[in-house]
């Protein structure tokens, strides 16, 4: 069992500016004692500039308080610099 008061990092790749369902985040952050709803809201506000683009993030937790850092990748920076707007997500 992981001590929830310790510091740790979790690396994820998420679609920016999209609300992540709590049940998709829960298996990753639940064992560390973090509430999935709060983590999802933090990810949403941190990735707002990358709407529709897949970005890599680092979730750093210290004393059960998550902090989100966006890890820049070449593709996400090019799309943001070109100002192409949101990516469309195919249905079906």
N, C-alpha and C. Protein backbone atom coordinates (compact mmCIF):
# COMPACT_ATOMS: atom_id res chain seq x y z
N UNK A 1 0.85 -1.19 0.00
CA UNK A 1 0.00 0.00 0.00
C UNK A 1 0.89 1.24 0.00
N UNK A 2 0.49 2.24 -0.79
CA UNK A 2 1.26 3.46 -0.95
C UNK A 2 0.87 4.45 0.15
N UNK A 3 1.87 5.14 0.71
CA UNK A 3 1.60 6.17 1.71
C UNK A 3 1.04 7.40 1.00
N UNK A 4 -0.20 7.82 1.28
CA UNK A 4 -0.79 8.96 0.57
C UNK A 4 -0.11 10.29 0.87
N UNK A 5 0.65 10.39 1.95
CA UNK A 5 1.32 11.64 2.28
C UNK A 5 2.67 11.78 1.60
N UNK A 6 3.13 10.75 0.89
CA UNK A 6 4.42 10.83 0.21
C UNK A 6 4.26 11.57 -1.12
N UNK A 7 5.39 11.94 -1.71
CA UNK A 7 5.38 12.61 -3.01
C UNK A 7 5.55 11.56 -4.10
N UNK A 8 4.80 11.70 -5.19
CA UNK A 8 4.94 10.79 -6.31
C UNK A 8 4.49 11.47 -7.58
N UNK A 9 4.89 10.91 -8.73
CA UNK A 9 4.54 11.42 -10.05
C UNK A 9 3.85 10.32 -10.83
N UNK A 10 2.82 10.68 -11.58
CA UNK A 10 2.13 9.78 -12.50
C UNK A 10 2.14 10.46 -13.86
N UNK A 11 2.55 9.74 -14.89
CA UNK A 11 2.58 10.28 -16.24
C UNK A 11 1.40 9.71 -17.03
N UNK A 12 0.63 10.60 -17.66
CA UNK A 12 -0.55 10.22 -18.43
C UNK A 12 -0.54 10.92 -19.77
N UNK A 13 -1.24 10.35 -20.73
CA UNK A 13 -1.47 11.01 -22.02
C UNK A 13 -2.98 11.15 -22.17
N UNK A 14 -3.43 12.40 -22.21
CA UNK A 14 -4.86 12.69 -22.23
C UNK A 14 -5.19 13.64 -23.38
N UNK A 15 -6.46 13.71 -23.73
CA UNK A 15 -6.93 14.66 -24.73
C UNK A 15 -7.21 15.97 -24.01
N UNK A 16 -6.61 17.04 -24.47
CA UNK A 16 -6.70 18.33 -23.80
C UNK A 16 -8.06 18.97 -23.91
N UNK A 17 -8.47 19.66 -22.86
CA UNK A 17 -9.71 20.41 -22.85
C UNK A 17 -10.96 19.56 -22.83
N UNK A 18 -10.83 18.27 -22.50
CA UNK A 18 -11.97 17.36 -22.47
C UNK A 18 -12.13 16.85 -21.05
N UNK A 19 -13.38 16.80 -20.58
CA UNK A 19 -13.65 16.28 -19.24
C UNK A 19 -13.44 14.78 -19.25
N UNK A 20 -12.54 14.31 -18.39
CA UNK A 20 -12.28 12.87 -18.29
C UNK A 20 -13.24 12.25 -17.29
N UNK A 21 -13.89 11.15 -17.65
CA UNK A 21 -14.78 10.50 -16.68
C UNK A 21 -13.99 9.98 -15.49
N UNK A 22 -14.59 10.04 -14.33
CA UNK A 22 -13.91 9.62 -13.10
C UNK A 22 -13.53 8.15 -13.15
N UNK A 23 -14.33 7.31 -13.85
CA UNK A 23 -14.02 5.88 -13.86
C UNK A 23 -12.80 5.55 -14.72
N UNK A 24 -12.36 6.46 -15.60
CA UNK A 24 -11.14 6.19 -16.36
C UNK A 24 -9.90 6.60 -15.58
N UNK A 25 -10.03 7.58 -14.70
CA UNK A 25 -8.88 8.05 -13.92
C UNK A 25 -8.74 7.25 -12.62
N UNK A 26 -9.83 6.74 -12.10
CA UNK A 26 -9.84 6.09 -10.79
C UNK A 26 -8.83 4.94 -10.66
N UNK A 27 -8.68 4.05 -11.65
CA UNK A 27 -7.70 2.97 -11.47
C UNK A 27 -6.25 3.46 -11.39
N UNK A 28 -5.99 4.64 -11.94
CA UNK A 28 -4.62 5.16 -11.95
C UNK A 28 -4.30 5.95 -10.67
N UNK A 29 -5.27 6.73 -10.17
CA UNK A 29 -4.99 7.59 -9.02
C UNK A 29 -5.59 7.07 -7.72
N UNK A 30 -6.53 6.14 -7.80
CA UNK A 30 -7.19 5.61 -6.62
C UNK A 30 -6.26 4.97 -5.61
N UNK A 31 -5.30 4.14 -6.05
CA UNK A 31 -4.39 3.52 -5.08
C UNK A 31 -3.53 4.52 -4.30
N UNK A 32 -3.40 5.74 -4.83
CA UNK A 32 -2.60 6.77 -4.15
C UNK A 32 -3.44 7.63 -3.22
N UNK A 33 -4.74 7.37 -3.14
CA UNK A 33 -5.61 8.11 -2.24
C UNK A 33 -6.08 9.44 -2.77
N UNK A 34 -6.00 9.65 -4.10
CA UNK A 34 -6.45 10.90 -4.69
C UNK A 34 -7.88 10.74 -5.21
N UNK A 35 -8.73 11.74 -5.01
CA UNK A 35 -10.09 11.65 -5.55
C UNK A 35 -10.09 11.87 -7.07
N UNK A 36 -10.65 10.95 -7.84
CA UNK A 36 -10.62 11.05 -9.30
C UNK A 36 -11.33 12.29 -9.85
N UNK A 37 -12.41 12.72 -9.21
CA UNK A 37 -13.14 13.89 -9.70
C UNK A 37 -12.27 15.14 -9.62
N UNK A 38 -11.56 15.32 -8.51
CA UNK A 38 -10.71 16.50 -8.34
C UNK A 38 -9.56 16.46 -9.34
N UNK A 39 -8.97 15.29 -9.57
CA UNK A 39 -7.87 15.15 -10.53
C UNK A 39 -8.37 15.47 -11.93
N UNK A 40 -9.56 14.99 -12.29
CA UNK A 40 -10.12 15.27 -13.61
C UNK A 40 -10.36 16.76 -13.83
N UNK A 41 -10.83 17.46 -12.81
CA UNK A 41 -11.05 18.90 -12.92
C UNK A 41 -9.74 19.66 -13.08
N UNK A 42 -8.71 19.23 -12.35
CA UNK A 42 -7.39 19.88 -12.47
C UNK A 42 -6.80 19.67 -13.86
N UNK A 43 -6.97 18.45 -14.41
CA UNK A 43 -6.48 18.17 -15.76
C UNK A 43 -7.21 19.02 -16.78
N UNK A 44 -8.52 19.17 -16.61
CA UNK A 44 -9.32 19.97 -17.54
C UNK A 44 -8.86 21.42 -17.56
N UNK A 45 -8.63 22.02 -16.40
CA UNK A 45 -8.22 23.43 -16.38
C UNK A 45 -6.79 23.62 -16.85
N UNK A 46 -5.90 22.62 -16.64
CA UNK A 46 -4.51 22.75 -17.07
C UNK A 46 -4.35 22.57 -18.57
N UNK A 47 -5.22 21.76 -19.20
CA UNK A 47 -5.07 21.46 -20.63
C UNK A 47 -6.04 22.24 -21.49
N UNK A 48 -6.61 23.30 -20.98
CA UNK A 48 -7.59 24.08 -21.74
C UNK A 48 -7.04 24.67 -23.02
N UNK A 49 -5.78 25.03 -23.06
CA UNK A 49 -5.17 25.62 -24.25
C UNK A 49 -4.95 24.59 -25.35
N UNK A 50 -4.96 23.31 -25.01
CA UNK A 50 -4.71 22.25 -25.98
C UNK A 50 -6.00 21.50 -26.30
N UNK A 51 -7.08 22.21 -26.53
CA UNK A 51 -8.40 21.59 -26.71
C UNK A 51 -8.39 20.63 -27.91
N UNK A 52 -8.74 19.37 -27.63
CA UNK A 52 -8.84 18.36 -28.68
C UNK A 52 -7.54 17.70 -29.08
N UNK A 53 -6.40 18.15 -28.55
CA UNK A 53 -5.10 17.60 -28.91
C UNK A 53 -4.61 16.70 -27.78
N UNK A 54 -4.05 15.54 -28.14
CA UNK A 54 -3.51 14.66 -27.11
C UNK A 54 -2.21 15.24 -26.57
N UNK A 55 -2.14 15.39 -25.26
CA UNK A 55 -0.95 15.93 -24.62
C UNK A 55 -0.50 14.99 -23.50
N UNK A 56 0.78 15.01 -23.23
CA UNK A 56 1.32 14.24 -22.11
C UNK A 56 1.35 15.15 -20.90
N UNK A 57 0.95 14.60 -19.75
CA UNK A 57 0.95 15.39 -18.53
C UNK A 57 1.68 14.63 -17.43
N UNK A 58 2.19 15.38 -16.48
CA UNK A 58 2.77 14.80 -15.27
C UNK A 58 1.91 15.25 -14.11
N UNK A 59 1.36 14.28 -13.40
CA UNK A 59 0.55 14.56 -12.23
C UNK A 59 1.46 14.37 -11.02
N UNK A 60 1.78 15.46 -10.35
CA UNK A 60 2.64 15.42 -9.17
C UNK A 60 1.75 15.59 -7.95
N UNK A 61 1.90 14.72 -6.99
CA UNK A 61 1.09 14.80 -5.78
C UNK A 61 1.98 14.91 -4.56
N UNK A 62 1.67 15.89 -3.74
CA UNK A 62 2.37 16.09 -2.47
C UNK A 62 1.31 16.28 -1.41
N UNK A 63 1.29 15.39 -0.44
CA UNK A 63 0.31 15.41 0.65
C UNK A 63 -1.12 15.45 0.10
N UNK A 64 -1.39 14.59 -0.86
CA UNK A 64 -2.70 14.39 -1.48
C UNK A 64 -3.23 15.61 -2.21
N UNK A 65 -2.37 16.54 -2.60
CA UNK A 65 -2.76 17.70 -3.40
C UNK A 65 -2.14 17.56 -4.78
N UNK A 66 -2.95 17.27 -5.82
CA UNK A 66 -2.38 17.07 -7.16
C UNK A 66 -2.03 18.39 -7.85
N UNK A 67 -0.93 18.36 -8.58
CA UNK A 67 -0.50 19.47 -9.42
C UNK A 67 -0.25 18.90 -10.81
N UNK A 68 -0.74 19.58 -11.84
CA UNK A 68 -0.63 19.09 -13.21
C UNK A 68 0.42 19.91 -13.95
N UNK A 69 1.36 19.23 -14.61
CA UNK A 69 2.35 19.87 -15.47
C UNK A 69 2.19 19.30 -16.87
N UNK A 70 2.13 20.16 -17.88
CA UNK A 70 2.04 19.70 -19.26
C UNK A 70 3.45 19.46 -19.76
N UNK A 71 3.70 18.26 -20.29
CA UNK A 71 5.00 17.92 -20.85
C UNK A 71 4.94 18.20 -22.35
N UNK A 72 5.71 19.17 -22.84
CA UNK A 72 5.59 19.55 -24.24
C UNK A 72 6.13 18.46 -25.18
N UNK A 73 5.32 18.14 -26.19
CA UNK A 73 5.75 17.24 -27.24
C UNK A 73 5.76 18.03 -28.54
N UNK A 74 6.48 17.52 -29.52
CA UNK A 74 6.60 18.24 -30.79
C UNK A 74 5.24 18.43 -31.46
N UNK A 75 4.44 17.38 -31.50
CA UNK A 75 3.16 17.48 -32.20
C UNK A 75 2.22 18.47 -31.53
N UNK A 76 2.14 18.44 -30.20
CA UNK A 76 1.23 19.37 -29.52
C UNK A 76 1.70 20.82 -29.67
N UNK A 77 3.01 21.04 -29.68
CA UNK A 77 3.51 22.41 -29.84
C UNK A 77 3.29 22.93 -31.25
N UNK A 78 3.44 22.06 -32.26
CA UNK A 78 3.21 22.48 -33.64
C UNK A 78 1.74 22.85 -33.85
N UNK A 79 0.84 22.02 -33.37
CA UNK A 79 -0.58 22.27 -33.54
C UNK A 79 -0.98 23.56 -32.81
N UNK A 80 -0.42 23.78 -31.63
CA UNK A 80 -0.74 25.00 -30.89
C UNK A 80 -0.17 26.23 -31.59
N UNK A 81 1.07 26.13 -32.12
CA UNK A 81 1.70 27.27 -32.79
C UNK A 81 0.99 27.63 -34.09
N UNK A 82 0.49 26.64 -34.81
CA UNK A 82 -0.22 26.91 -36.05
C UNK A 82 -1.62 27.45 -35.81
N UNK A 83 -2.12 27.25 -34.61
CA UNK A 83 -3.46 27.75 -34.27
C UNK A 83 -4.54 27.08 -35.07
N UNK A 84 -4.39 25.78 -35.29
CA UNK A 84 -5.36 25.05 -36.11
C UNK A 84 -6.68 24.80 -35.40
N UNK A 85 -6.75 25.03 -34.14
CA UNK A 85 -8.00 24.83 -33.43
C UNK A 85 -8.16 23.40 -32.95
N UNK A 86 -9.35 23.10 -32.52
CA UNK A 86 -9.61 21.80 -31.92
C UNK A 86 -9.63 20.69 -32.96
N UNK A 87 -9.16 19.53 -32.57
CA UNK A 87 -9.23 18.35 -33.42
C UNK A 87 -10.63 17.78 -33.34
N UNK A 88 -11.08 17.20 -34.43
CA UNK A 88 -12.38 16.53 -34.40
C UNK A 88 -12.18 15.09 -34.01
N UNK A 89 -13.08 14.59 -33.19
CA UNK A 89 -13.00 13.22 -32.71
C UNK A 89 -14.00 12.40 -33.51
N UNK A 90 -13.53 11.41 -34.29
CA UNK A 90 -14.48 10.62 -35.07
C UNK A 90 -15.38 9.76 -34.18
N UNK A 91 -16.62 9.66 -34.55
CA UNK A 91 -17.58 8.85 -33.80
C UNK A 91 -17.77 7.52 -34.53
N UNK A 92 -17.93 6.48 -33.74
CA UNK A 92 -18.29 5.23 -34.35
C UNK A 92 -17.24 4.25 -34.38
